[in-house]
Amino acid sequence: MRNRTVAVIIKQELLLPFIGGVFVIEALSVILQVASYKLRKKRIFKMAPIHHHFELMGWSESKIIVRFWIASLVFALFALDHAETAIILTTETHQGSGDLRSGHRVS
């Protein structure tokens, strides 16, 4: 809830899927698997969610966990970098304009 609130405040709602990157991928794998099976009668993955697909491919559970940690870190760094860039750009845009709410310049 807190991440969503912060994203809305800084007007960076599009970063939310990156903040929860692994969770979004897990959910999308289930959605895609169900849709594919209903429409084409074929599966995309051996099993959904996607971490079970990797298990069935022979990956160990610890290998999957480490890979997902790395992916989470990459997603978090991407979101942090882009949120920071947006905050800097917003600050530079409004610099010197004073109080934006009242329309008056504050010295």
C-alpha atoms as a PDB file:
ATOM      1  CA  MET A   1       0.000   0.000   0.000  1.00  0.00           C
ATOM      2  CA  ARG A   2       2.788   2.401   0.912  1.00  0.00           C
ATOM      3  CA  ASN A   3       4.644   1.907  -2.403  1.00  0.00           C
ATOM      4  CA  ARG A   4       1.478   2.589  -4.358  1.00  0.00           C
ATOM      5  CA  THR A   5       0.826   5.772  -2.380  1.00  0.00           C
ATOM      6  CA  VAL A   6       4.357   7.036  -2.928  1.00  0.00           C
ATOM      7  CA  ALA A   7       4.160   6.202  -6.645  1.00  0.00           C
ATOM      8  CA  VAL A   8       0.915   8.149  -6.996  1.00  0.00           C
ATOM      9  CA  ILE A   9       2.279  11.136  -5.061  1.00  0.00           C
ATOM     10  CA  ILE A  10       5.348  11.424  -7.309  1.00  0.00           C
ATOM     11  CA  LYS A  11       3.211  10.624 -10.376  1.00  0.00           C
ATOM     12  CA  GLN A  12       5.138   7.460 -11.227  1.00  0.00           C
ATOM     13  CA  GLU A  13       2.339   4.886 -11.255  1.00  0.00           C
ATOM     14  CA  LEU A  14       3.888   3.147 -14.268  1.00  0.00           C
ATOM     15  CA  LEU A  15       6.801   2.069 -12.065  1.00  0.00           C
ATOM     16  CA  LEU A  16       4.549  -0.102  -9.875  1.00  0.00           C
ATOM     17  CA  PRO A  17       4.923  -3.222 -12.057  1.00  0.00           C
ATOM     18  CA  PHE A  18       8.703  -2.844 -11.787  1.00  0.00           C
ATOM     19  CA  ILE A  19       8.598  -2.402  -8.014  1.00  0.00           C
ATOM     20  CA  GLY A  20       6.795  -5.737  -7.713  1.00  0.00           C
ATOM     21  CA  GLY A  21       8.506  -7.256 -10.761  1.00  0.00           C
ATOM     22  CA  VAL A  22       8.772 -10.907  -9.722  1.00  0.00           C
ATOM     23  CA  PHE A  23       5.229 -10.929  -8.322  1.00  0.00           C
ATOM     24  CA  VAL A  24       3.910  -9.423 -11.547  1.00  0.00           C
ATOM     25  CA  ILE A  25       5.732 -12.052 -13.620  1.00  0.00           C
ATOM     26  CA  GLU A  26       4.385 -14.851 -11.405  1.00  0.00           C
ATOM     27  CA  ALA A  27       0.822 -13.532 -11.787  1.00  0.00           C
ATOM     28  CA  LEU A  28       1.187 -12.978 -15.534  1.00  0.00           C
ATOM     29  CA  SER A  29       2.463 -16.527 -16.014  1.00  0.00           C
ATOM     30  CA  VAL A  30      -0.741 -17.872 -14.467  1.00  0.00           C
ATOM     31  CA  ILE A  31      -2.950 -15.520 -16.493  1.00  0.00           C
ATOM     32  CA  LEU A  32      -1.187 -16.423 -19.741  1.00  0.00           C
ATOM     33  CA  GLN A  33      -1.286 -20.153 -18.972  1.00  0.00           C
ATOM     34  CA  VAL A  34      -5.030 -20.140 -18.263  1.00  0.00           C
ATOM     35  CA  ALA A  35      -5.839 -17.947 -21.275  1.00  0.00           C
ATOM     36  CA  SER A  36      -3.708 -20.047 -23.591  1.00  0.00           C
ATOM     37  CA  TYR A  37      -5.259 -23.286 -22.413  1.00  0.00           C
ATOM     38  CA  LYS A  38      -8.822 -21.951 -22.715  1.00  0.00           C
ATOM     39  CA  LEU A  39      -8.286 -20.461 -26.174  1.00  0.00           C
ATOM     40  CA  ARG A  40      -5.834 -22.879 -27.829  1.00  0.00           C
ATOM     41  CA  LYS A  41      -5.984 -25.980 -25.611  1.00  0.00           C
ATOM     42  CA  LYS A  42      -2.175 -25.710 -25.328  1.00  0.00           C
ATOM     43  CA  ARG A  43       0.001 -24.784 -22.398  1.00  0.00           C
ATOM     44  CA  ILE A  44       2.777 -22.190 -22.572  1.00  0.00           C
ATOM     45  CA  PHE A  45       4.602 -23.440 -19.474  1.00  0.00           C
ATOM     46  CA  LYS A  46       4.959 -26.943 -18.101  1.00  0.00           C
ATOM     47  CA  MET A  47       3.242 -25.658 -14.960  1.00  0.00           C
ATOM     48  CA  ALA A  48       2.209 -22.247 -13.664  1.00  0.00           C
ATOM     49  CA  PRO A  49       3.205 -20.140 -11.766  1.00  0.00           C
ATOM     50  CA  ILE A  50       6.498 -19.885 -13.564  1.00  0.00           C
ATOM     51  CA  HIS A  51       8.687 -21.001 -10.650  1.00  0.00           C
ATOM     52  CA  HIS A  52       7.073 -24.459 -10.931  1.00  0.00           C
ATOM     53  CA  HIS A  53       7.935 -24.478 -14.639  1.00  0.00           C
ATOM     54  CA  PHE A  54      11.591 -23.997 -13.723  1.00  0.00           C
ATOM     55  CA  GLU A  55      11.357 -26.795 -11.127  1.00  0.00           C
ATOM     56  CA  LEU A  56       9.999 -29.159 -13.767  1.00  0.00           C
ATOM     57  CA  MET A  57      12.869 -28.160 -16.066  1.00  0.00           C
ATOM     58  CA  GLY A  58      15.261 -29.521 -13.431  1.00  0.00           C
ATOM     59  CA  TRP A  59      16.348 -26.339 -11.669  1.00  0.00           C
ATOM     60  CA  SER A  60      16.887 -26.696  -7.924  1.00  0.00           C
ATOM     61  CA  GLU A  61      14.701 -24.667  -5.598  1.00  0.00           C
ATOM     62  CA  SER A  62      17.702 -22.718  -4.301  1.00  0.00           C
ATOM     63  CA  LYS A  63      18.753 -21.834  -7.867  1.00  0.00           C
ATOM     64  CA  ILE A  64      15.262 -20.495  -8.617  1.00  0.00           C
ATOM     65  CA  ILE A  65      15.218 -18.466  -5.398  1.00  0.00           C
ATOM     66  CA  VAL A  66      18.608 -16.891  -6.108  1.00  0.00           C
ATOM     67  CA  ARG A  67      17.612 -16.045  -9.685  1.00  0.00           C
ATOM     68  CA  PHE A  68      14.377 -14.458  -8.459  1.00  0.00           C
ATOM     69  CA  TRP A  69      16.324 -12.446  -5.849  1.00  0.00           C
ATOM     70  CA  ILE A  70      18.591 -11.154  -8.590  1.00  0.00           C
ATOM     71  CA  ALA A  71      15.596 -10.299 -10.779  1.00  0.00           C
ATOM     72  CA  SER A  72      13.950  -8.499  -7.835  1.00  0.00           C
ATOM     73  CA  LEU A  73      17.112  -6.494  -7.254  1.00  0.00           C
ATOM     74  CA  VAL A  74      17.307  -5.500 -10.924  1.00  0.00           C
ATOM     75  CA  PHE A  75      13.628  -4.475 -10.957  1.00  0.00           C
ATOM     76  CA  ALA A  76      14.036  -2.488  -7.717  1.00  0.00           C
ATOM     77  CA  LEU A  77      17.134  -0.677  -8.980  1.00  0.00           C
ATOM     78  CA  PHE A  78      15.395   0.138 -12.254  1.00  0.00           C
ATOM     79  CA  ALA A  79      12.354   1.543 -10.418  1.00  0.00           C
ATOM     80  CA  LEU A  80      14.525   3.467  -7.951  1.00  0.00           C
ATOM     81  CA  ASP A  81      16.630   4.974 -10.728  1.00  0.00           C
ATOM     82  CA  HIS A  82      13.609   6.057 -12.725  1.00  0.00           C
ATOM     83  CA  ALA A  83      11.755   7.392  -9.691  1.00  0.00           C
ATOM     84  CA  GLU A  84      14.821   9.377  -8.661  1.00  0.00           C
ATOM     85  CA  THR A  85      15.173  10.762 -12.190  1.00  0.00           C
ATOM     86  CA  ALA A  86      11.509  11.771 -12.186  1.00  0.00           C
ATOM     87  CA  ILE A  87      11.852  13.516  -8.824  1.00  0.00           C
ATOM     88  CA  ILE A  88      14.929  15.421 -10.012  1.00  0.00           C
ATOM     89  CA  LEU A  89      13.216  16.459 -13.254  1.00  0.00           C
ATOM     90  CA  THR A  90      10.080  17.534 -11.383  1.00  0.00           C
ATOM     91  CA  THR A  91      12.163  19.562  -8.919  1.00  0.00           C
ATOM     92  CA  GLU A  92      14.115  21.262 -11.737  1.00  0.00           C
ATOM     93  CA  THR A  93      10.904  22.058 -13.622  1.00  0.00           C
ATOM     94  CA  HIS A  94       9.308  23.736 -10.612  1.00  0.00           C
ATOM     95  CA  GLN A  95      12.449  25.430  -9.321  1.00  0.00           C
ATOM     96  CA  GLY A  96      12.012  29.165  -8.999  1.00  0.00           C
ATOM     97  CA  SER A  97       8.292  29.024  -9.666  1.00  0.00           C
ATOM     98  CA  GLY A  98       7.456  29.537  -6.003  1.00  0.00           C
ATOM     99  CA  ASP A  99       4.307  28.204  -4.419  1.00  0.00           C
ATOM    100  CA  LEU A 100       2.519  26.367  -7.222  1.00  0.00           C
ATOM    101  CA  ARG A 101      -0.736  25.973  -5.339  1.00  0.00           C
ATOM    102  CA  SER A 102      -1.493  29.653  -4.830  1.00  0.00           C
ATOM    103  CA  GLY A 103       0.105  30.883  -8.020  1.00  0.00           C
ATOM    104  CA  HIS A 104       2.226  33.336  -6.062  1.00  0.00           C
ATOM    105  CA  ARG A 105       5.996  33.358  -6.061  1.00  0.00           C
ATOM    106  CA  VAL A 106       7.499  32.688  -2.643  1.00  0.00           C
ATOM    107  CA  SER A 107      10.837  34.361  -1.945  1.00  0.00           C
END
